[in-house]
Amino acid sequence: MQITTASAKGVGDENEDGVFTGPSGVVVLDGLSAPKDLPMACLHGTPWLVRQLGARLVALMGDNEQPLAEVLRTAIEDVNAMHSGSCALEQEAVPAATVAMLRQRKEVIDYLVLSDSVLVVDVAGAVQAVADTSVEEVAGEEMAAALAGPAGTPERSARVSELVAVQRRLRNSPGGYWVASTNPAAADHAITGSIPAADLRRAALLSDGASRLVDTFHQLSWTELLDVLDGAGPAELIARTRAAESSDADGTRWARFKVSDDATAAYLSFVPEGAAP
């Protein structure tokens, strides 16, 4: 297994994505941004959560006896214990992140996806994407309303804040959608699976800022995205994404919440045992 990664900040003050690699695999996290006009119940913030959760996931996923859902559950519990007494972990307004994980375990490749990060796999020549679209299913109308009109206007910003308030009420609750935050039960709602290692040729883990060329801009297919990663690497994928974003600076051609989002991509290629790399 060979891993290459790249990550770049979008329009925010700092990159709220994270990519973490270890001997057995890789983790990509996409921290959920919080509008400045909405209060937070945690002193640490989203980048802190991403750093701490990513480090724990990489450390724990090396235990092949633990399913990835249990790895995620334990990592959330561990990070909860790191918060200070001033953090109200039971509140809605706490840091959160989407999760994509891939682990090589002997002759098997395990994966986990929680919320809207994307895993793309090439299994024996058949390319497919794995993503959790539950947030669109429970808040699709509110998301469409928030995206109306050009980006960067006070009206759009107010609608996005209203949407985030709605999403916070729906997060990690029955009938809503699930993300990695302070509730370990989110691990039960992740998409998980395993692929025979001999069948997996290549894979990519993407934050939604790095999957835009396919699922938002419709300039590439998933196969073509893997080809870009294979031929030119994750940094080139992000550069092409930035070029597309720049061509639609007010977000009227391609409606999106951030004109330029944090973008993170990890590309994995698999060399059969005994074959030349």
Protein backbone atom coordinates (compact mmCIF):
# COMPACT_ATOMS: atom_id res chain seq x y z
CA MET A 1 0.00 0.00 0.00
CA GLN A 2 1.41 3.36 -1.08
CA ILE A 3 -0.19 6.59 0.21
CA THR A 4 0.14 10.15 -1.09
CA THR A 5 -1.74 13.09 0.43
CA ALA A 6 -2.37 16.80 0.05
CA SER A 7 -4.47 19.32 1.97
CA ALA A 8 -5.14 23.01 1.38
CA LYS A 9 -7.05 25.71 3.24
CA GLY A 10 -10.12 27.29 1.69
CA VAL A 11 -11.66 30.63 2.63
CA GLY A 12 -11.57 30.19 6.43
CA ASP A 13 -8.98 31.35 8.94
CA GLU A 14 -7.37 27.90 9.08
CA ASN A 15 -7.66 24.46 7.53
CA GLU A 16 -10.30 22.48 9.40
CA ASP A 17 -9.56 19.29 7.44
CA GLY A 18 -7.03 16.73 8.55
CA VAL A 19 -5.25 13.76 6.97
CA PHE A 20 -3.48 11.20 9.13
CA THR A 21 -1.45 8.20 7.98
CA GLY A 22 -0.07 5.17 9.79
CA PRO A 23 1.44 1.79 8.95
CA SER A 24 -1.98 0.21 8.45
CA GLY A 25 -3.93 2.94 6.71
CA VAL A 26 -5.17 6.50 6.45
CA VAL A 27 -7.83 8.79 7.95
CA VAL A 28 -9.35 11.92 6.42
CA LEU A 29 -11.44 14.24 8.61
CA ASP A 30 -13.43 17.28 7.53
CA GLY A 31 -14.23 19.57 10.44
CA LEU A 32 -17.65 21.21 10.37
CA SER A 33 -17.31 24.98 10.24
CA ALA A 34 -19.21 27.15 12.72
CA PRO A 35 -20.47 30.58 11.64
CA LYS A 36 -18.94 33.31 13.79
CA ASP A 37 -22.37 34.57 14.85
CA LEU A 38 -23.34 31.24 16.43
CA PRO A 39 -21.98 30.40 19.90
CA MET A 40 -19.93 27.29 20.65
CA ALA A 41 -20.21 25.24 23.83
CA CYS A 42 -16.58 24.07 23.66
CA LEU A 43 -13.43 26.08 24.28
CA HIS A 44 -11.25 24.06 21.93
CA GLY A 45 -12.80 24.50 18.51
CA THR A 46 -12.99 22.39 15.39
CA PRO A 47 -9.27 22.24 14.39
CA TRP A 48 -8.43 20.92 17.86
CA LEU A 49 -11.06 18.19 17.57
CA VAL A 50 -9.76 17.19 14.13
CA ARG A 51 -6.16 16.95 15.36
CA GLN A 52 -6.99 14.96 18.48
CA LEU A 53 -9.52 12.63 16.85
CA GLY A 54 -7.28 11.95 13.86
CA ALA A 55 -4.32 11.06 16.05
CA ARG A 56 -6.42 8.65 18.14
CA LEU A 57 -7.98 6.99 15.09
CA VAL A 58 -4.59 6.29 13.50
CA ALA A 59 -3.24 4.91 16.77
CA LEU A 60 -6.25 2.69 17.41
CA MET A 61 -6.80 1.38 13.88
CA GLY A 62 -3.55 -0.56 14.12
CA ASP A 63 -5.36 -3.11 16.29
CA ASN A 64 -6.66 -5.48 13.62
CA GLU A 65 -8.98 -7.16 16.12
CA GLN A 66 -11.06 -4.01 16.46
CA PRO A 67 -13.68 -3.23 13.79
CA LEU A 68 -13.35 0.32 12.49
CA ALA A 69 -16.68 1.30 14.04
CA GLU A 70 -15.30 0.33 17.45
CA VAL A 71 -12.11 2.22 16.70
CA LEU A 72 -14.20 5.33 16.02
CA ARG A 73 -16.30 4.82 19.15
CA THR A 74 -13.21 4.51 21.36
CA ALA A 75 -11.51 7.50 19.73
CA ILE A 76 -14.54 9.72 20.40
CA GLU A 77 -14.62 8.57 24.02
CA ASP A 78 -10.90 9.27 24.38
CA VAL A 79 -11.21 12.78 22.97
CA ASN A 80 -14.23 13.48 25.20
CA ALA A 81 -11.97 12.79 28.19
CA MET A 82 -9.52 15.43 26.92
CA HIS A 83 -12.05 18.29 27.06
CA SER A 84 -11.94 20.70 29.97
CA GLY A 85 -14.68 21.05 32.56
CA SER A 86 -15.78 24.24 30.84
CA CYS A 87 -16.84 22.37 27.70
CA ALA A 88 -20.55 21.50 27.68
CA LEU A 89 -20.30 18.27 25.71
CA GLU A 90 -24.02 17.57 25.91
CA GLN A 91 -24.88 20.73 23.98
CA GLU A 92 -25.63 20.95 20.25
CA ALA A 93 -22.93 23.54 19.54
CA VAL A 94 -19.85 21.33 19.90
CA PRO A 95 -17.08 20.65 17.36
CA ALA A 96 -17.76 17.89 14.85
CA ALA A 97 -16.17 16.26 11.82
CA THR A 98 -16.93 13.87 9.00
CA VAL A 99 -14.77 10.75 8.80
CA ALA A 100 -13.29 8.53 6.09
CA MET A 101 -10.99 5.66 7.07
CA LEU A 102 -9.24 2.87 5.22
CA ARG A 103 -7.16 0.11 6.81
CA GLN A 104 -5.20 -2.80 5.37
CA ARG A 105 -5.66 -5.90 7.50
CA LYS A 106 -3.81 -8.94 6.17
CA GLU A 107 -5.70 -9.96 3.01
CA VAL A 108 -8.59 -7.55 3.63
CA ILE A 109 -9.09 -3.79 3.25
CA ASP A 110 -11.56 -2.30 5.76
CA TYR A 111 -13.26 1.06 5.30
CA LEU A 112 -15.53 3.42 7.22
CA VAL A 113 -17.35 6.54 6.07
CA LEU A 114 -19.37 8.85 8.33
CA SER A 115 -21.21 11.84 6.87
CA ASP A 116 -20.25 13.49 3.59
CA SER A 117 -16.58 12.71 3.11
CA VAL A 118 -16.14 10.39 0.13
CA LEU A 119 -14.31 7.10 -0.38
CA VAL A 120 -13.65 6.13 -3.99
CA VAL A 121 -12.50 2.57 -4.73
CA ASP A 122 -11.40 0.76 -7.86
CA VAL A 123 -12.26 -2.89 -7.26
CA ALA A 124 -11.08 -5.12 -10.09
CA GLY A 125 -11.62 -2.26 -12.55
CA ALA A 126 -15.08 -1.24 -11.27
CA VAL A 127 -15.01 2.25 -9.71
CA GLN A 128 -17.57 3.27 -7.12
CA ALA A 129 -17.96 6.02 -4.53
CA VAL A 130 -19.06 5.48 -0.95
CA ALA A 131 -20.64 8.47 0.81
CA ASP A 132 -23.19 9.12 3.53
CA THR A 133 -25.87 11.50 2.17
CA SER A 134 -28.15 11.47 5.20
CA VAL A 135 -27.72 15.20 5.88
CA GLU A 136 -29.20 15.93 2.44
CA GLU A 137 -32.07 13.57 3.15
CA VAL A 138 -33.09 15.27 6.41
CA ALA A 139 -32.21 18.90 5.61
CA GLY A 140 -32.25 19.06 1.82
CA GLU A 141 -34.89 21.77 1.56
CA GLU A 142 -33.13 23.99 4.10
CA MET A 143 -29.81 23.48 2.30
CA ALA A 144 -31.30 24.49 -1.05
CA ALA A 145 -32.87 27.59 0.48
CA ALA A 146 -29.59 28.62 2.10
CA LEU A 147 -27.79 28.39 -1.26
CA ALA A 148 -30.15 30.74 -3.07
CA GLY A 149 -28.52 33.88 -4.47
CA PRO A 150 -24.85 34.80 -4.94
CA ALA A 151 -22.21 33.94 -2.35
CA GLY A 152 -20.66 36.56 -0.11
CA THR A 153 -23.81 38.60 0.54
CA PRO A 154 -25.13 39.34 4.05
CA GLU A 155 -28.40 37.66 3.09
CA ARG A 156 -26.65 34.43 2.11
CA SER A 157 -24.56 34.48 5.30
CA ALA A 158 -27.69 34.88 7.43
CA ARG A 159 -29.39 31.96 5.67
CA VAL A 160 -26.32 29.75 6.16
CA SER A 161 -26.31 30.55 9.89
CA GLU A 162 -29.98 29.61 10.06
CA LEU A 163 -29.20 26.35 8.28
CA VAL A 164 -26.36 25.49 10.67
CA ALA A 165 -28.69 26.09 13.63
CA VAL A 166 -31.15 23.61 12.07
CA GLN A 167 -28.40 21.09 11.34
CA ARG A 168 -27.12 21.27 14.90
CA ARG A 169 -30.54 20.21 16.15
CA LEU A 170 -30.51 17.27 13.71
CA ARG A 171 -26.98 16.08 14.39
CA ASN A 172 -26.46 12.86 16.27
CA SER A 173 -30.11 12.32 17.06
CA PRO A 174 -32.71 9.78 15.90
CA GLY A 175 -34.19 10.82 12.57
CA GLY A 176 -31.26 13.17 11.90
CA TYR A 177 -27.76 12.59 10.64
CA TRP A 178 -24.56 11.55 12.37
CA VAL A 179 -21.06 12.99 12.60
CA ALA A 180 -18.02 12.42 14.81
CA SER A 181 -18.42 14.78 17.74
CA THR A 182 -19.06 13.98 21.41
CA ASN A 183 -21.55 11.11 21.07
CA PRO A 184 -19.79 7.75 20.66
CA ALA A 185 -23.03 6.26 19.28
CA ALA A 186 -22.24 8.01 15.98
CA ALA A 187 -19.96 5.05 15.25
CA ASP A 188 -23.04 2.82 14.96
CA HIS A 189 -24.29 4.92 12.02
CA ALA A 190 -21.12 4.84 9.91
CA ILE A 191 -21.00 3.03 6.59
CA THR A 192 -18.51 0.18 6.92
CA GLY A 193 -17.31 -2.66 4.75
CA SER A 194 -14.39 -4.78 3.65
CA ILE A 195 -12.80 -5.53 0.28
CA PRO A 196 -10.43 -8.39 -0.59
CA ALA A 197 -7.00 -6.81 -0.83
CA ALA A 198 -6.27 -8.72 -4.02
CA ASP A 199 -9.21 -6.98 -5.74
CA LEU A 200 -8.54 -3.38 -4.66
CA ARG A 201 -6.36 -1.60 -7.20
CA ARG A 202 -6.56 2.00 -5.94
CA ALA A 203 -8.59 4.18 -3.62
CA ALA A 204 -9.08 7.80 -2.60
CA LEU A 205 -10.36 9.41 0.58
CA LEU A 206 -11.69 12.93 -0.01
CA SER A 207 -13.13 15.74 2.06
CA ASP A 208 -16.08 17.30 0.26
CA GLY A 209 -13.86 20.20 -0.77
CA ALA A 210 -11.74 17.74 -2.77
CA SER A 211 -14.62 15.82 -4.35
CA ARG A 212 -16.15 18.91 -5.98
CA LEU A 213 -14.81 18.30 -9.47
CA VAL A 214 -17.12 15.28 -9.59
CA ASP A 215 -20.12 15.80 -7.33
CA THR A 216 -20.51 19.60 -7.54
CA PHE A 217 -18.80 20.84 -10.72
CA HIS A 218 -19.40 17.66 -12.76
CA GLN A 219 -16.14 18.11 -14.65
CA LEU A 220 -14.81 14.62 -13.93
CA SER A 221 -16.13 11.14 -13.34
CA TRP A 222 -14.93 9.20 -10.32
CA THR A 223 -12.72 7.13 -12.62
CA GLU A 224 -11.20 10.27 -14.09
CA LEU A 225 -10.61 11.65 -10.60
CA LEU A 226 -8.67 8.50 -9.71
CA ASP A 227 -6.71 8.89 -12.94
CA VAL A 228 -5.71 12.44 -11.96
CA LEU A 229 -4.59 11.24 -8.55
CA ASP A 230 -2.67 8.35 -10.07
CA GLY A 231 -0.98 10.40 -12.76
CA ALA A 232 -0.41 13.79 -11.13
CA GLY A 233 -1.15 13.36 -7.43
CA PRO A 234 -3.48 14.90 -4.84
CA ALA A 235 -1.96 18.39 -5.10
CA GLU A 236 -2.92 18.54 -8.78
CA LEU A 237 -6.49 17.51 -7.98
CA ILE A 238 -6.73 20.38 -5.51
CA ALA A 239 -5.15 22.81 -8.00
CA ARG A 240 -7.76 21.89 -10.61
CA THR A 241 -10.48 22.33 -8.01
CA ARG A 242 -9.19 25.80 -7.15
CA ALA A 243 -9.19 26.73 -10.84
CA ALA A 244 -12.83 25.69 -11.18
CA GLU A 245 -13.75 27.60 -8.04
CA SER A 246 -12.01 30.73 -9.34
CA SER A 247 -14.01 30.55 -12.55
CA ASP A 248 -17.23 30.88 -10.52
CA ALA A 249 -16.25 33.32 -7.81
CA ASP A 250 -19.80 34.24 -6.80
CA GLY A 251 -21.09 30.67 -6.72
CA THR A 252 -23.88 31.25 -9.23
CA ARG A 253 -22.86 28.54 -11.70
CA TRP A 254 -22.24 25.91 -9.04
CA ALA A 255 -24.16 26.58 -5.82
CA ARG A 256 -22.04 25.78 -2.77
CA PHE A 257 -21.71 26.97 0.81
CA LYS A 258 -18.07 28.03 0.48
CA VAL A 259 -16.73 29.47 -2.75
CA SER A 260 -13.41 27.79 -1.88
CA ASP A 261 -13.55 25.04 0.72
CA ASP A 262 -10.80 23.27 2.63
CA ALA A 263 -9.73 20.39 0.39
CA THR A 264 -7.98 17.17 1.42
CA ALA A 265 -7.21 14.08 -0.65
CA ALA A 266 -5.41 10.85 0.17
CA TYR A 267 -4.61 8.49 -2.70
CA LEU A 268 -3.74 4.84 -2.14
CA SER A 269 -2.34 2.45 -4.70
CA PHE A 270 -1.94 -1.25 -4.04
CA VAL A 271 0.89 -3.36 -5.36
CA PRO A 272 0.27 -7.12 -5.36
CA GLU A 273 2.62 -9.00 -3.06
CA GLY A 274 5.72 -10.06 -4.94
CA ALA A 275 5.11 -7.66 -7.83
CA ALA A 276 7.44 -4.81 -8.73
CA PRO A 277 6.13 -1.41 -7.59
